[in-house]
Structure formats: structure tokens, C-alpha cells
């Protein structure tokens, strides 16, 4: 069983900061990628940020310099620090992981969090 639990969403004013948390649990042998996606009403889901097992991070151009993705391997948790938020950041944010379940697994597995709503007011 693998489960992703998200928290930290809510309402903030433009320019404010907010941190999202995604705690993973279950049988995880190795985490390949951990990241965050978001989807606004009427729009497609898009990548916000992700970090690989090699600690290499990449971000969407729209959030570079404002958002930071962090992970705590000992706690199996990934964070998204959102600074200088803009109204356009309003969306449902989804945690996403790609893992290797066991040492004998032939393929990687993909999991999504339930989504957490983030609203940025003006």
C-alpha cells in the first residue's frame, strides 16, 4: 500500500507565503521522482516542480524564483515552499511520486495525492 497525504493548502494574500506538504507512506524501496502539479478550473494539469533521486530539481518557468521544492528522505515527505504568491497560482495542487516498490520490482509505480486547494486573493 502506498498513500500520499497532502496538507498545507488554504487561502493567502498575494505576495504571501505558503508551504505544502506531502507525506508518503507504504512500501517504498526507492523514490525516483517527487513533485507537485497543479490544475486550475478549465485548464490542464501542469508541472510545478519536481526533484529526482539525484536531488536535481526543475521548475516551471512561471514559478522559478518564487517556489522551492524540498524533500526529507527520512520522513518520506516532499514540500513545496511558495513565496511571493500571485492570484494566478490559485489551483488544486497535487503531489506526485514515481517509486520503485521493492528491490525486485520490474517497473516503477506512479501515485498521485488527493489534491489540496490553494487560493491566492488580491
C-alpha atoms as a PDB file:
ATOM      1  CA  UNK A   1       0.000   0.000   0.000  1.00  0.00           C
ATOM      2  CA  UNK A   2       1.240   3.435  -0.940  1.00  0.00           C
ATOM      3  CA  UNK A   3      -0.563   6.564   0.115  1.00  0.00           C
ATOM      4  CA  UNK A   4       0.109  10.250  -0.339  1.00  0.00           C
ATOM      5  CA  UNK A   5      -1.343  12.685   2.183  1.00  0.00           C
ATOM      6  CA  UNK A   6      -1.251  16.364   1.337  1.00  0.00           C
ATOM      7  CA  UNK A   7      -1.643  19.284   3.685  1.00  0.00           C
ATOM      8  CA  UNK A   8      -0.934  22.984   3.913  1.00  0.00           C
ATOM      9  CA  UNK A   9      -3.367  24.356   1.384  1.00  0.00           C
ATOM     10  CA  UNK A  10      -5.520  27.329   2.065  1.00  0.00           C
ATOM     11  CA  UNK A  11      -6.026  30.996   1.422  1.00  0.00           C
ATOM     12  CA  UNK A  12      -3.237  33.541   1.332  1.00  0.00           C
ATOM     13  CA  UNK A  13      -2.945  37.082   0.104  1.00  0.00           C
ATOM     14  CA  UNK A  14      -0.945  37.939  -2.962  1.00  0.00           C
ATOM     15  CA  UNK A  15       2.710  38.222  -2.057  1.00  0.00           C
ATOM     16  CA  UNK A  16       2.332  35.908   0.895  1.00  0.00           C
ATOM     17  CA  UNK A  17       3.932  32.545   1.515  1.00  0.00           C
ATOM     18  CA  UNK A  18       2.580  29.052   1.988  1.00  0.00           C
ATOM     19  CA  UNK A  19       4.129  25.631   2.348  1.00  0.00           C
ATOM     20  CA  UNK A  20       2.529  22.463   1.066  1.00  0.00           C
ATOM     21  CA  UNK A  21       3.442  19.097   2.481  1.00  0.00           C
ATOM     22  CA  UNK A  22       3.058  15.637   1.019  1.00  0.00           C
ATOM     23  CA  UNK A  23       3.778  12.673   3.242  1.00  0.00           C
ATOM     24  CA  UNK A  24       4.158   9.296   1.608  1.00  0.00           C
ATOM     25  CA  UNK A  25       3.654   6.000   3.352  1.00  0.00           C
ATOM     26  CA  UNK A  26       3.631   2.354   2.470  1.00  0.00           C
ATOM     27  CA  UNK A  27       6.046   0.002   0.798  1.00  0.00           C
ATOM     28  CA  UNK A  28       8.613   2.188  -0.933  1.00  0.00           C
ATOM     29  CA  UNK A  29      12.008   0.819  -1.764  1.00  0.00           C
ATOM     30  CA  UNK A  30      13.289   3.744  -3.756  1.00  0.00           C
ATOM     31  CA  UNK A  31      11.830   7.068  -4.767  1.00  0.00           C
ATOM     32  CA  UNK A  32      12.686   8.104  -8.290  1.00  0.00           C
ATOM     33  CA  UNK A  33      10.861  11.392  -8.538  1.00  0.00           C
ATOM     34  CA  UNK A  34       8.776  13.539  -6.227  1.00  0.00           C
ATOM     35  CA  UNK A  35       6.936  16.552  -7.492  1.00  0.00           C
ATOM     36  CA  UNK A  36       3.990  18.870  -7.498  1.00  0.00           C
ATOM     37  CA  UNK A  37       1.438  19.528 -10.198  1.00  0.00           C
ATOM     38  CA  UNK A  38      -1.452  21.940 -10.248  1.00  0.00           C
ATOM     39  CA  UNK A  39      -4.700  22.294 -12.109  1.00  0.00           C
ATOM     40  CA  UNK A  40      -6.866  25.380 -12.296  1.00  0.00           C
ATOM     41  CA  UNK A  41     -10.533  25.221 -13.325  1.00  0.00           C
ATOM     42  CA  UNK A  42     -10.837  24.808 -17.062  1.00  0.00           C
ATOM     43  CA  UNK A  43      -7.129  24.226 -17.514  1.00  0.00           C
ATOM     44  CA  UNK A  44      -4.922  21.198 -17.913  1.00  0.00           C
ATOM     45  CA  UNK A  45      -2.808  19.857 -15.123  1.00  0.00           C
ATOM     46  CA  UNK A  46       0.706  21.230 -15.301  1.00  0.00           C
ATOM     47  CA  UNK A  47       4.010  20.527 -13.661  1.00  0.00           C
ATOM     48  CA  UNK A  48       5.025  22.988 -10.967  1.00  0.00           C
ATOM     49  CA  UNK A  49       8.233  21.476  -9.635  1.00  0.00           C
ATOM     50  CA  UNK A  50       9.917  18.137  -9.150  1.00  0.00           C
ATOM     51  CA  UNK A  51      13.026  16.690  -7.596  1.00  0.00           C
ATOM     52  CA  UNK A  52      14.781  13.486  -8.600  1.00  0.00           C
ATOM     53  CA  UNK A  53      16.567  10.857  -6.584  1.00  0.00           C
ATOM     54  CA  UNK A  54      19.784  12.608  -7.500  1.00  0.00           C
ATOM     55  CA  UNK A  55      18.480  15.785  -5.836  1.00  0.00           C
ATOM     56  CA  UNK A  56      18.185  17.543  -9.151  1.00  0.00           C
ATOM     57  CA  UNK A  57      15.271  19.989  -9.210  1.00  0.00           C
ATOM     58  CA  UNK A  58      13.421  21.674 -12.010  1.00  0.00           C
ATOM     59  CA  UNK A  59      10.601  24.190 -12.062  1.00  0.00           C
ATOM     60  CA  UNK A  60       8.016  25.597 -14.353  1.00  0.00           C
ATOM     61  CA  UNK A  61       9.078  28.944 -15.753  1.00  0.00           C
ATOM     62  CA  UNK A  62       6.106  30.619 -14.121  1.00  0.00           C
ATOM     63  CA  UNK A  63       7.294  29.740 -10.606  1.00  0.00           C
ATOM     64  CA  UNK A  64      11.056  29.998 -10.911  1.00  0.00           C
ATOM     65  CA  UNK A  65      12.477  32.256  -8.253  1.00  0.00           C
ATOM     66  CA  UNK A  66       9.293  32.063  -6.195  1.00  0.00           C
ATOM     67  CA  UNK A  67       8.719  28.385  -5.409  1.00  0.00           C
ATOM     68  CA  UNK A  68      11.116  25.882  -3.910  1.00  0.00           C
ATOM     69  CA  UNK A  69      10.691  22.131  -3.771  1.00  0.00           C
ATOM     70  CA  UNK A  70      12.245  20.316  -0.838  1.00  0.00           C
ATOM     71  CA  UNK A  71      12.281  16.754   0.358  1.00  0.00           C
ATOM     72  CA  UNK A  72      13.008  14.978   3.597  1.00  0.00           C
ATOM     73  CA  UNK A  73      14.074  11.447   2.807  1.00  0.00           C
ATOM     74  CA  UNK A  74      13.952  10.254   6.402  1.00  0.00           C
ATOM     75  CA  UNK A  75      10.319  11.334   6.682  1.00  0.00           C
ATOM     76  CA  UNK A  76       9.359  10.394   3.112  1.00  0.00           C
ATOM     77  CA  UNK A  77       7.945  13.854   2.694  1.00  0.00           C
ATOM     78  CA  UNK A  78       8.161  16.432  -0.051  1.00  0.00           C
ATOM     79  CA  UNK A  79       7.398  20.114   0.399  1.00  0.00           C
ATOM     80  CA  UNK A  80       6.573  22.991  -1.847  1.00  0.00           C
ATOM     81  CA  UNK A  81       7.532  26.373  -0.450  1.00  0.00           C
ATOM     82  CA  UNK A  82       5.561  29.048  -2.238  1.00  0.00           C
ATOM     83  CA  UNK A  83       6.743  32.615  -1.831  1.00  0.00           C
ATOM     84  CA  UNK A  84       5.525  35.816  -3.412  1.00  0.00           C
ATOM     85  CA  UNK A  85       2.340  34.127  -4.468  1.00  0.00           C
ATOM     86  CA  UNK A  86       0.216  35.528  -7.242  1.00  0.00           C
ATOM     87  CA  UNK A  87      -3.510  35.135  -7.969  1.00  0.00           C
ATOM     88  CA  UNK A  88      -2.572  33.036 -10.991  1.00  0.00           C
ATOM     89  CA  UNK A  89      -1.195  30.439  -8.583  1.00  0.00           C
ATOM     90  CA  UNK A  90      -4.734  29.615  -7.492  1.00  0.00           C
ATOM     91  CA  UNK A  91      -5.359  25.959  -8.298  1.00  0.00           C
ATOM     92  CA  UNK A  92      -5.641  22.483  -6.921  1.00  0.00           C
ATOM     93  CA  UNK A  93      -2.184  21.187  -6.166  1.00  0.00           C
ATOM     94  CA  UNK A  94      -1.363  17.506  -6.483  1.00  0.00           C
ATOM     95  CA  UNK A  95       1.563  15.644  -5.069  1.00  0.00           C
ATOM     96  CA  UNK A  96       3.076  13.135  -7.461  1.00  0.00           C
ATOM     97  CA  UNK A  97       5.653  10.424  -6.925  1.00  0.00           C
ATOM     98  CA  UNK A  98       7.307   7.792  -9.037  1.00  0.00           C
ATOM     99  CA  UNK A  99       8.732   4.980  -6.962  1.00  0.00           C
ATOM    100  CA  UNK A 100      10.225   1.549  -7.078  1.00  0.00           C
ATOM    101  CA  UNK A 101       8.188  -0.588  -4.715  1.00  0.00           C
ATOM    102  CA  UNK A 102      10.769  -3.265  -3.992  1.00  0.00           C
ATOM    103  CA  UNK A 103      14.280  -4.232  -4.981  1.00  0.00           C
ATOM    104  CA  UNK A 104      12.785  -6.882  -7.270  1.00  0.00           C
ATOM    105  CA  UNK A 105      10.270  -4.625  -8.971  1.00  0.00           C
ATOM    106  CA  UNK A 106      10.488  -4.730 -12.746  1.00  0.00           C
ATOM    107  CA  UNK A 107       8.743  -1.408 -13.266  1.00  0.00           C
ATOM    108  CA  UNK A 108       8.303   1.847 -11.454  1.00  0.00           C
ATOM    109  CA  UNK A 109       4.961   2.858  -9.977  1.00  0.00           C
ATOM    110  CA  UNK A 110       3.197   6.197 -10.140  1.00  0.00           C
ATOM    111  CA  UNK A 111       0.975   7.686  -7.442  1.00  0.00           C
ATOM    112  CA  UNK A 112      -0.994  10.879  -7.014  1.00  0.00           C
ATOM    113  CA  UNK A 113      -2.156  12.714  -3.941  1.00  0.00           C
ATOM    114  CA  UNK A 114      -5.785  13.648  -3.445  1.00  0.00           C
ATOM    115  CA  UNK A 115      -5.173  17.301  -4.219  1.00  0.00           C
ATOM    116  CA  UNK A 116      -5.226  20.347  -1.998  1.00  0.00           C
ATOM    117  CA  UNK A 117      -6.789  23.658  -2.884  1.00  0.00           C
ATOM    118  CA  UNK A 118      -4.728  26.823  -2.806  1.00  0.00           C
ATOM    119  CA  UNK A 119      -6.376  30.195  -3.256  1.00  0.00           C
ATOM    120  CA  UNK A 120      -4.466  33.436  -3.618  1.00  0.00           C
ATOM    121  CA  UNK A 121      -6.509  36.561  -3.049  1.00  0.00           C
ATOM    122  CA  UNK A 122      -5.773  40.052  -4.300  1.00  0.00           C
END
